[in-house]
Amino acid sequence: ANLAGLFELPAVSITRDGKPGGAFATGLLAAFVATPCTGPFMAA
């Protein structure tokens, strides 16, 4: 909904006043959602 423009979420804002806290939150989210599977080298 945020990406579609329904509302604004500072953590993923693309405006010029983005803060490191937004990038930190995006990193938390990326790791949590992006690691359900193991890839090459990672399994061992």
All heavy atoms as atom14 arrays in JSON, in Angstrom:
{
  "sequence": "ANLAGLFELPAVSITRDGKPGGAFATGLLAAFVATPCTGPFMAA",
  "atom14_mask": [
    [1, 1, 1, 1, 1, 0, 0, 0, 0, 0, 0, 0, 0, 0],
    [1, 1, 1, 1, 1, 1, 1, 1, 0, 0, 0, 0, 0, 0],
    [1, 1, 1, 1, 1, 1, 1, 1, 0, 0, 0, 0, 0, 0],
    [1, 1, 1, 1, 1, 0, 0, 0, 0, 0, 0, 0, 0, 0],
    [1, 1, 1, 1, 0, 0, 0, 0, 0, 0, 0, 0, 0, 0],
    [1, 1, 1, 1, 1, 1, 1, 1, 0, 0, 0, 0, 0, 0],
    [1, 1, 1, 1, 1, 1, 1, 1, 1, 1, 1, 0, 0, 0],
    [1, 1, 1, 1, 1, 1, 1, 1, 1, 0, 0, 0, 0, 0],
    [1, 1, 1, 1, 1, 1, 1, 1, 0, 0, 0, 0, 0, 0],
    [1, 1, 1, 1, 1, 1, 1, 0, 0, 0, 0, 0, 0, 0],
    [1, 1, 1, 1, 1, 0, 0, 0, 0, 0, 0, 0, 0, 0],
    [1, 1, 1, 1, 1, 1, 1, 0, 0, 0, 0, 0, 0, 0],
    [1, 1, 1, 1, 1, 1, 0, 0, 0, 0, 0, 0, 0, 0],
    [1, 1, 1, 1, 1, 1, 1, 1, 0, 0, 0, 0, 0, 0],
    [1, 1, 1, 1, 1, 1, 1, 0, 0, 0, 0, 0, 0, 0],
    [1, 1, 1, 1, 1, 1, 1, 1, 1, 1, 1, 0, 0, 0],
    [1, 1, 1, 1, 1, 1, 1, 1, 0, 0, 0, 0, 0, 0],
    [1, 1, 1, 1, 0, 0, 0, 0, 0, 0, 0, 0, 0, 0],
    [1, 1, 1, 1, 1, 1, 1, 1, 1, 0, 0, 0, 0, 0],
    [1, 1, 1, 1, 1, 1, 1, 0, 0, 0, 0, 0, 0, 0],
    [1, 1, 1, 1, 0, 0, 0, 0, 0, 0, 0, 0, 0, 0],
    [1, 1, 1, 1, 0, 0, 0, 0, 0, 0, 0, 0, 0, 0],
    [1, 1, 1, 1, 1, 0, 0, 0, 0, 0, 0, 0, 0, 0],
    [1, 1, 1, 1, 1, 1, 1, 1, 1, 1, 1, 0, 0, 0],
    [1, 1, 1, 1, 1, 0, 0, 0, 0, 0, 0, 0, 0, 0],
    [1, 1, 1, 1, 1, 1, 1, 0, 0, 0, 0, 0, 0, 0],
    [1, 1, 1, 1, 0, 0, 0, 0, 0, 0, 0, 0, 0, 0],
    [1, 1, 1, 1, 1, 1, 1, 1, 0, 0, 0, 0, 0, 0],
    [1, 1, 1, 1, 1, 1, 1, 1, 0, 0, 0, 0, 0, 0],
    [1, 1, 1, 1, 1, 0, 0, 0, 0, 0, 0, 0, 0, 0],
    [1, 1, 1, 1, 1, 0, 0, 0, 0, 0, 0, 0, 0, 0],
    [1, 1, 1, 1, 1, 1, 1, 1, 1, 1, 1, 0, 0, 0],
    [1, 1, 1, 1, 1, 1, 1, 0, 0, 0, 0, 0, 0, 0],
    [1, 1, 1, 1, 1, 0, 0, 0, 0, 0, 0, 0, 0, 0],
    [1, 1, 1, 1, 1, 1, 1, 0, 0, 0, 0, 0, 0, 0],
    [1, 1, 1, 1, 1, 1, 1, 0, 0, 0, 0, 0, 0, 0],
    [1, 1, 1, 1, 1, 1, 0, 0, 0, 0, 0, 0, 0, 0],
    [1, 1, 1, 1, 1, 1, 1, 0, 0, 0, 0, 0, 0, 0],
    [1, 1, 1, 1, 0, 0, 0, 0, 0, 0, 0, 0, 0, 0],
    [1, 1, 1, 1, 1, 1, 1, 0, 0, 0, 0, 0, 0, 0],
    [1, 1, 1, 1, 1, 1, 1, 1, 1, 1, 1, 0, 0, 0],
    [1, 1, 1, 1, 1, 1, 1, 1, 0, 0, 0, 0, 0, 0],
    [1, 1, 1, 1, 1, 0, 0, 0, 0, 0, 0, 0, 0, 0],
    [1, 1, 1, 1, 1, 0, 0, 0, 0, 0, 0, 0, 0, 0]
  ],
  "atom14_positions": [
    [[0.83, -1.21, 0.0], [0.0, 0.0, 0.0], [0.86, 1.25, 0.0], [0.53, 2.25, -0.67], [-0.92, -0.01, 1.22], [0.0, 0.0, 0.0], [0.0, 0.0, 0.0], [0.0, 0.0, 0.0], [0.0, 0.0, 0.0], [0.0, 0.0, 0.0], [0.0, 0.0, 0.0], [0.0, 0.0, 0.0], [0.0, 0.0, 0.0], [0.0, 0.0, 0.0]],
    [[1.97, 1.22, 0.72], [2.87, 2.37, 0.73], [3.49, 2.63, -0.63], [3.53, 3.75, -1.13], [3.96, 2.15, 1.78], [5.07, 3.17, 1.7], [6.13, 2.89, 1.13], [4.83, 4.36, 2.26], [0.0, 0.0, 0.0], [0.0, 0.0, 0.0], [0.0, 0.0, 0.0], [0.0, 0.0, 0.0], [0.0, 0.0, 0.0], [0.0, 0.0, 0.0]],
    [[3.98, 1.56, -1.27], [4.6, 1.72, -2.59], [3.58, 2.16, -3.63], [3.92, 2.87, -4.59], [5.26, 0.4, -3.01], [6.45, -0.06, -2.16], [6.93, -1.42, -2.61], [7.59, 0.95, -2.23], [0.0, 0.0, 0.0], [0.0, 0.0, 0.0], [0.0, 0.0, 0.0], [0.0, 0.0, 0.0], [0.0, 0.0, 0.0], [0.0, 0.0, 0.0]],
    [[2.33, 1.74, -3.46], [1.29, 2.14, -4.4], [0.8, 3.56, -4.16], [-0.02, 4.07, -4.94], [0.11, 1.17, -4.3], [0.0, 0.0, 0.0], [0.0, 0.0, 0.0], [0.0, 0.0, 0.0], [0.0, 0.0, 0.0], [0.0, 0.0, 0.0], [0.0, 0.0, 0.0], [0.0, 0.0, 0.0], [0.0, 0.0, 0.0], [0.0, 0.0, 0.0]],
    [[1.27, 4.23, -3.11], [0.91, 5.61, -2.84], [-0.3, 5.78, -1.97], [-0.82, 6.89, -1.83], [0.0, 0.0, 0.0], [0.0, 0.0, 0.0], [0.0, 0.0, 0.0], [0.0, 0.0, 0.0], [0.0, 0.0, 0.0], [0.0, 0.0, 0.0], [0.0, 0.0, 0.0], [0.0, 0.0, 0.0], [0.0, 0.0, 0.0], [0.0, 0.0, 0.0]],
    [[-0.78, 4.7, -1.33], [-1.96, 4.81, -0.48], [-1.68, 5.66, 0.75], [-2.54, 6.39, 1.23], [-2.43, 3.41, -0.07], [-3.78, 3.31, 0.65], [-4.9, 3.71, -0.31], [-4.01, 1.89, 1.15], [0.0, 0.0, 0.0], [0.0, 0.0, 0.0], [0.0, 0.0, 0.0], [0.0, 0.0, 0.0], [0.0, 0.0, 0.0], [0.0, 0.0, 0.0]],
    [[-0.47, 5.55, 1.28], [-0.06, 6.36, 2.43], [1.46, 6.44, 2.42], [2.13, 5.75, 1.64], [-0.56, 5.74, 3.74], [0.22, 4.53, 4.18], [1.13, 4.6, 5.23], [0.07, 3.3, 3.53], [1.85, 3.5, 5.62], [0.8, 2.19, 3.92], [1.69, 2.29, 4.97], [0.0, 0.0, 0.0], [0.0, 0.0, 0.0], [0.0, 0.0, 0.0]],
    [[2.04, 7.27, 3.27], [3.49, 7.45, 3.34], [4.03, 6.79, 4.6], [3.44, 6.91, 5.69], [3.84, 8.94, 3.35], [3.52, 9.66, 2.05], [4.28, 9.08, 0.87], [5.43, 8.65, 1.05], [3.7, 9.05, -0.23], [0.0, 0.0, 0.0], [0.0, 0.0, 0.0], [0.0, 0.0, 0.0], [0.0, 0.0, 0.0], [0.0, 0.0, 0.0]],
    [[5.14, 6.07, 4.43], [5.82, 5.41, 5.55], [7.25, 5.9, 5.58], [8.02, 5.62, 4.66], [5.79, 3.88, 5.39], [6.41, 3.05, 6.51], [5.6, 3.21, 7.79], [6.49, 1.59, 6.12], [0.0, 0.0, 0.0], [0.0, 0.0, 0.0], [0.0, 0.0, 0.0], [0.0, 0.0, 0.0], [0.0, 0.0, 0.0], [0.0, 0.0, 0.0]],
    [[7.67, 6.66, 6.6], [9.01, 7.25, 6.6], [10.12, 6.23, 6.42], [11.15, 6.52, 5.82], [9.08, 7.92, 7.98], [7.67, 8.2, 8.35], [6.87, 7.07, 7.77], [0.0, 0.0, 0.0], [0.0, 0.0, 0.0], [0.0, 0.0, 0.0], [0.0, 0.0, 0.0], [0.0, 0.0, 0.0], [0.0, 0.0, 0.0], [0.0, 0.0, 0.0]],
    [[9.95, 5.03, 6.9], [11.05, 4.05, 6.83], [11.42, 3.69, 5.41], [12.53, 3.27, 5.14], [10.68, 2.78, 7.59], [0.0, 0.0, 0.0], [0.0, 0.0, 0.0], [0.0, 0.0, 0.0], [0.0, 0.0, 0.0], [0.0, 0.0, 0.0], [0.0, 0.0, 0.0], [0.0, 0.0, 0.0], [0.0, 0.0, 0.0], [0.0, 0.0, 0.0]],
    [[10.48, 3.86, 4.44], [10.8, 3.56, 3.05], [10.53, 4.78, 2.18], [10.24, 4.67, 1.01], [9.98, 2.35, 2.54], [10.44, 1.09, 3.2], [8.48, 2.57, 2.78], [0.0, 0.0, 0.0], [0.0, 0.0, 0.0], [0.0, 0.0, 0.0], [0.0, 0.0, 0.0], [0.0, 0.0, 0.0], [0.0, 0.0, 0.0], [0.0, 0.0, 0.0]],
    [[10.66, 5.96, 2.77], [10.42, 7.19, 2.02], [11.5, 7.4, 0.98], [12.67, 7.07, 1.18], [10.4, 8.38, 2.98], [10.36, 9.59, 2.28], [0.0, 0.0, 0.0], [0.0, 0.0, 0.0], [0.0, 0.0, 0.0], [0.0, 0.0, 0.0], [0.0, 0.0, 0.0], [0.0, 0.0, 0.0], [0.0, 0.0, 0.0], [0.0, 0.0, 0.0]],
    [[11.12, 7.98, -0.18], [12.1, 8.28, -1.22], [12.29, 9.78, -1.36], [12.88, 10.25, -2.34], [11.69, 7.67, -2.58], [10.35, 8.26, -3.04], [11.63, 6.18, -2.51], [9.99, 7.87, -4.46], [0.0, 0.0, 0.0], [0.0, 0.0, 0.0], [0.0, 0.0, 0.0], [0.0, 0.0, 0.0], [0.0, 0.0, 0.0], [0.0, 0.0, 0.0]],
    [[11.85, 10.5, -0.37], [12.05, 11.94, -0.41], [13.46, 12.28, -0.03], [14.22, 11.46, 0.48], [11.08, 12.62, 0.56], [11.33, 12.14, 1.88], [9.64, 12.31, 0.19], [0.0, 0.0, 0.0], [0.0, 0.0, 0.0], [0.0, 0.0, 0.0], [0.0, 0.0, 0.0], [0.0, 0.0, 0.0], [0.0, 0.0, 0.0], [0.0, 0.0, 0.0]],
    [[13.84, 13.55, -0.2], [15.21, 13.97, 0.03], [15.57, 14.06, 1.51], [16.72, 14.22, 1.86], [15.46, 15.34, -0.64], [15.4, 15.27, -2.15], [15.55, 16.66, -2.75], [15.51, 16.61, -4.2], [16.56, 16.44, -4.98], [17.74, 16.3, -4.45], [16.45, 16.39, -6.28], [0.0, 0.0, 0.0], [0.0, 0.0, 0.0], [0.0, 0.0, 0.0]],
    [[14.57, 14.0, 2.38], [14.88, 14.14, 3.81], [14.93, 12.79, 4.51], [14.66, 12.67, 5.69], [13.85, 15.04, 4.5], [12.43, 14.49, 4.35], [12.25, 13.53, 3.59], [11.53, 15.06, 5.0], [0.0, 0.0, 0.0], [0.0, 0.0, 0.0], [0.0, 0.0, 0.0], [0.0, 0.0, 0.0], [0.0, 0.0, 0.0], [0.0, 0.0, 0.0]],
    [[15.26, 11.72, 3.76], [15.4, 10.41, 4.38], [16.47, 10.39, 5.44], [17.5, 11.05, 5.34], [0.0, 0.0, 0.0], [0.0, 0.0, 0.0], [0.0, 0.0, 0.0], [0.0, 0.0, 0.0], [0.0, 0.0, 0.0], [0.0, 0.0, 0.0], [0.0, 0.0, 0.0], [0.0, 0.0, 0.0], [0.0, 0.0, 0.0], [0.0, 0.0, 0.0]],
    [[16.26, 9.66, 6.5], [17.19, 9.6, 7.62], [17.76, 8.19, 7.72], [17.18, 7.23, 7.24], [16.48, 9.97, 8.92], [16.0, 11.42, 8.95], [15.38, 11.72, 10.3], [15.04, 13.2, 10.45], [13.97, 13.61, 9.56], [0.0, 0.0, 0.0], [0.0, 0.0, 0.0], [0.0, 0.0, 0.0], [0.0, 0.0, 0.0], [0.0, 0.0, 0.0]],
    [[18.94, 8.05, 8.39], [19.52, 6.71, 8.54], [18.58, 5.73, 9.23], [18.66, 4.53, 9.0], [20.77, 6.99, 9.4], [21.11, 8.41, 9.14], [19.8, 9.11, 8.94], [0.0, 0.0, 0.0], [0.0, 0.0, 0.0], [0.0, 0.0, 0.0], [0.0, 0.0, 0.0], [0.0, 0.0, 0.0], [0.0, 0.0, 0.0], [0.0, 0.0, 0.0]],
    [[17.69, 6.24, 10.1], [16.76, 5.34, 10.76], [15.88, 4.6, 9.77], [15.52, 3.44, 9.99], [0.0, 0.0, 0.0], [0.0, 0.0, 0.0], [0.0, 0.0, 0.0], [0.0, 0.0, 0.0], [0.0, 0.0, 0.0], [0.0, 0.0, 0.0], [0.0, 0.0, 0.0], [0.0, 0.0, 0.0], [0.0, 0.0, 0.0], [0.0, 0.0, 0.0]],
    [[15.53, 5.27, 8.66], [14.73, 4.6, 7.64], [15.5, 3.49, 6.98], [14.97, 2.39, 6.75], [0.0, 0.0, 0.0], [0.0, 0.0, 0.0], [0.0, 0.0, 0.0], [0.0, 0.0, 0.0], [0.0, 0.0, 0.0], [0.0, 0.0, 0.0], [0.0, 0.0, 0.0], [0.0, 0.0, 0.0], [0.0, 0.0, 0.0], [0.0, 0.0, 0.0]],
    [[16.78, 3.72, 6.66], [17.61, 2.67, 6.06], [17.82, 1.52, 7.02], [17.84, 0.35, 6.64], [18.95, 3.25, 5.62], [0.0, 0.0, 0.0], [0.0, 0.0, 0.0], [0.0, 0.0, 0.0], [0.0, 0.0, 0.0], [0.0, 0.0, 0.0], [0.0, 0.0, 0.0], [0.0, 0.0, 0.0], [0.0, 0.0, 0.0], [0.0, 0.0, 0.0]],
    [[18.0, 1.83, 8.32], [18.19, 0.79, 9.32], [16.94, -0.09, 9.41], [17.04, -1.32, 9.43], [18.47, 1.45, 10.68], [18.67, 0.47, 11.8], [19.9, -0.16, 11.97], [17.64, 0.17, 12.68], [20.09, -1.07, 13.0], [17.82, -0.74, 13.71], [19.05, -1.35, 13.87], [0.0, 0.0, 0.0], [0.0, 0.0, 0.0], [0.0, 0.0, 0.0]],
    [[15.76, 0.53, 9.42], [14.52, -0.24, 9.47], [14.35, -1.08, 8.22], [13.88, -2.22, 8.28], [13.33, 0.71, 9.64], [0.0, 0.0, 0.0], [0.0, 0.0, 0.0], [0.0, 0.0, 0.0], [0.0, 0.0, 0.0], [0.0, 0.0, 0.0], [0.0, 0.0, 0.0], [0.0, 0.0, 0.0], [0.0, 0.0, 0.0], [0.0, 0.0, 0.0]],
    [[14.73, -0.53, 7.06], [14.64, -1.29, 5.82], [15.57, -2.5, 5.86], [15.23, -3.58, 5.4], [15.0, -0.4, 4.61], [14.15, 0.73, 4.59], [14.85, -1.17, 3.31], [0.0, 0.0, 0.0], [0.0, 0.0, 0.0], [0.0, 0.0, 0.0], [0.0, 0.0, 0.0], [0.0, 0.0, 0.0], [0.0, 0.0, 0.0], [0.0, 0.0, 0.0]],
    [[16.77, -2.31, 6.44], [17.68, -3.44, 6.58], [17.13, -4.52, 7.48], [17.25, -5.72, 7.19], [0.0, 0.0, 0.0], [0.0, 0.0, 0.0], [0.0, 0.0, 0.0], [0.0, 0.0, 0.0], [0.0, 0.0, 0.0], [0.0, 0.0, 0.0], [0.0, 0.0, 0.0], [0.0, 0.0, 0.0], [0.0, 0.0, 0.0], [0.0, 0.0, 0.0]],
    [[16.52, -4.13, 8.61], [15.88, -5.11, 9.49], [14.82, -5.9, 8.74], [14.76, -7.14, 8.82], [15.23, -4.4, 10.68], [16.15, -3.83, 11.76], [15.33, -3.01, 12.75], [16.89, -4.94, 12.49], [0.0, 0.0, 0.0], [0.0, 0.0, 0.0], [0.0, 0.0, 0.0], [0.0, 0.0, 0.0], [0.0, 0.0, 0.0], [0.0, 0.0, 0.0]],
    [[13.99, -5.18, 8.0], [12.91, -5.83, 7.26], [13.46, -6.75, 6.19], [12.98, -7.88, 6.0], [12.01, -4.76, 6.64], [10.86, -5.27, 5.77], [9.9, -6.08, 6.62], [10.15, -4.1, 5.11], [0.0, 0.0, 0.0], [0.0, 0.0, 0.0], [0.0, 0.0, 0.0], [0.0, 0.0, 0.0], [0.0, 0.0, 0.0], [0.0, 0.0, 0.0]],
    [[14.48, -6.28, 5.46], [15.05, -7.08, 4.38], [15.57, -8.42, 4.89], [15.31, -9.47, 4.31], [16.17, -6.31, 3.69], [0.0, 0.0, 0.0], [0.0, 0.0, 0.0], [0.0, 0.0, 0.0], [0.0, 0.0, 0.0], [0.0, 0.0, 0.0], [0.0, 0.0, 0.0], [0.0, 0.0, 0.0], [0.0, 0.0, 0.0], [0.0, 0.0, 0.0]],
    [[16.31, -8.4, 6.0], [16.87, -9.64, 6.52], [15.79, -10.57, 7.03], [15.86, -11.79, 6.83], [17.86, -9.32, 7.63], [0.0, 0.0, 0.0], [0.0, 0.0, 0.0], [0.0, 0.0, 0.0], [0.0, 0.0, 0.0], [0.0, 0.0, 0.0], [0.0, 0.0, 0.0], [0.0, 0.0, 0.0], [0.0, 0.0, 0.0], [0.0, 0.0, 0.0]],
    [[14.78, -10.02, 7.69], [13.74, -10.86, 8.27], [12.93, -11.57, 7.2], [12.6, -12.75, 7.32], [12.83, -10.01, 9.15], [11.83, -10.83, 9.92], [12.23, -11.66, 10.95], [10.48, -10.77, 9.62], [11.32, -12.41, 11.66], [9.55, -11.52, 10.32], [9.98, -12.34, 11.35], [0.0, 0.0, 0.0], [0.0, 0.0, 0.0], [0.0, 0.0, 0.0]],
    [[12.61, -10.85, 6.12], [11.76, -11.42, 5.07], [12.58, -12.19, 4.05], [12.08, -13.14, 3.43], [10.95, -10.31, 4.37], [10.06, -10.87, 3.28], [10.11, -9.55, 5.38], [0.0, 0.0, 0.0], [0.0, 0.0, 0.0], [0.0, 0.0, 0.0], [0.0, 0.0, 0.0], [0.0, 0.0, 0.0], [0.0, 0.0, 0.0], [0.0, 0.0, 0.0]],
    [[13.86, -11.83, 3.88], [14.63, -12.36, 2.76], [15.42, -13.6, 3.09], [16.17, -14.09, 2.25], [15.58, -11.28, 2.25], [0.0, 0.0, 0.0], [0.0, 0.0, 0.0], [0.0, 0.0, 0.0], [0.0, 0.0, 0.0], [0.0, 0.0, 0.0], [0.0, 0.0, 0.0], [0.0, 0.0, 0.0], [0.0, 0.0, 0.0], [0.0, 0.0, 0.0]],
    [[15.3, -14.16, 4.29], [16.14, -15.31, 4.63], [15.35, -16.57, 4.96], [15.77, -17.35, 5.82], [17.04, -14.96, 5.84], [16.21, -14.46, 6.89], [18.07, -13.93, 5.47], [0.0, 0.0, 0.0], [0.0, 0.0, 0.0], [0.0, 0.0, 0.0], [0.0, 0.0, 0.0], [0.0, 0.0, 0.0], [0.0, 0.0, 0.0], [0.0, 0.0, 0.0]],
    [[14.23, -16.84, 4.29], [13.56, -18.11, 4.55], [14.28, -19.28, 3.92], [14.09, -20.41, 4.34], [12.17, -17.92, 3.93], [12.37, -16.92, 2.86], [13.42, -15.99, 3.38], [0.0, 0.0, 0.0], [0.0, 0.0, 0.0], [0.0, 0.0, 0.0], [0.0, 0.0, 0.0], [0.0, 0.0, 0.0], [0.0, 0.0, 0.0], [0.0, 0.0, 0.0]],
    [[15.09, -19.04, 2.91], [15.77, -20.12, 2.21], [17.27, -19.96, 2.31], [17.79, -18.87, 2.54], [15.37, -20.16, 0.73], [13.63, -20.5, 0.47], [0.0, 0.0, 0.0], [0.0, 0.0, 0.0], [0.0, 0.0, 0.0], [0.0, 0.0, 0.0], [0.0, 0.0, 0.0], [0.0, 0.0, 0.0], [0.0, 0.0, 0.0], [0.0, 0.0, 0.0]],
    [[17.98, -21.07, 2.16], [19.43, -21.05, 2.13], [19.89, -21.15, 0.69], [19.33, -21.9, -0.1], [20.02, -22.21, 2.94], [19.41, -23.43, 2.49], [19.73, -22.03, 4.41], [0.0, 0.0, 0.0], [0.0, 0.0, 0.0], [0.0, 0.0, 0.0], [0.0, 0.0, 0.0], [0.0, 0.0, 0.0], [0.0, 0.0, 0.0], [0.0, 0.0, 0.0]],
    [[20.91, -20.4, 0.36], [21.45, -20.41, -0.99], [22.81, -21.08, -1.03], [23.31, -21.6, -0.02], [0.0, 0.0, 0.0], [0.0, 0.0, 0.0], [0.0, 0.0, 0.0], [0.0, 0.0, 0.0], [0.0, 0.0, 0.0], [0.0, 0.0, 0.0], [0.0, 0.0, 0.0], [0.0, 0.0, 0.0], [0.0, 0.0, 0.0], [0.0, 0.0, 0.0]],
    [[23.45, -21.11, -2.19], [24.78, -21.69, -2.3], [25.75, -21.06, -1.3], [25.68, -19.87, -1.02], [25.18, -21.36, -3.76], [23.88, -21.19, -4.47], [22.93, -20.6, -3.47], [0.0, 0.0, 0.0], [0.0, 0.0, 0.0], [0.0, 0.0, 0.0], [0.0, 0.0, 0.0], [0.0, 0.0, 0.0], [0.0, 0.0, 0.0], [0.0, 0.0, 0.0]],
    [[26.67, -21.85, -0.8], [27.69, -21.47, 0.19], [27.09, -21.27, 1.59], [27.74, -21.53, 2.58], [28.44, -20.19, -0.22], [29.14, -20.29, -1.54], [28.62, -19.69, -2.66], [30.32, -21.0, -1.65], [29.26, -19.78, -3.88], [30.98, -21.1, -2.86], [30.44, -20.49, -3.99], [0.0, 0.0, 0.0], [0.0, 0.0, 0.0], [0.0, 0.0, 0.0]],
    [[25.86, -20.8, 1.64], [25.25, -20.48, 2.92], [24.86, -21.73, 3.7], [24.9, -21.75, 4.94], [24.02, -19.6, 2.67], [23.24, -19.22, 3.9], [21.79, -18.25, 3.43], [20.83, -18.35, 4.92], [0.0, 0.0, 0.0], [0.0, 0.0, 0.0], [0.0, 0.0, 0.0], [0.0, 0.0, 0.0], [0.0, 0.0, 0.0], [0.0, 0.0, 0.0]],
    [[24.5, -22.8, 2.99], [23.96, -23.99, 3.66], [24.96, -24.59, 4.63], [24.62, -24.9, 5.78], [23.55, -25.02, 2.61], [0.0, 0.0, 0.0], [0.0, 0.0, 0.0], [0.0, 0.0, 0.0], [0.0, 0.0, 0.0], [0.0, 0.0, 0.0], [0.0, 0.0, 0.0], [0.0, 0.0, 0.0], [0.0, 0.0, 0.0], [0.0, 0.0, 0.0]],
    [[26.22, -24.78, 4.19], [27.21, -25.39, 5.07], [27.49, -24.51, 6.28], [27.65, -25.01, 7.4], [28.51, -25.65, 4.29], [0.0, 0.0, 0.0], [0.0, 0.0, 0.0], [0.0, 0.0, 0.0], [0.0, 0.0, 0.0], [0.0, 0.0, 0.0], [0.0, 0.0, 0.0], [0.0, 0.0, 0.0], [0.0, 0.0, 0.0], [0.0, 0.0, 0.0]]
  ]
}
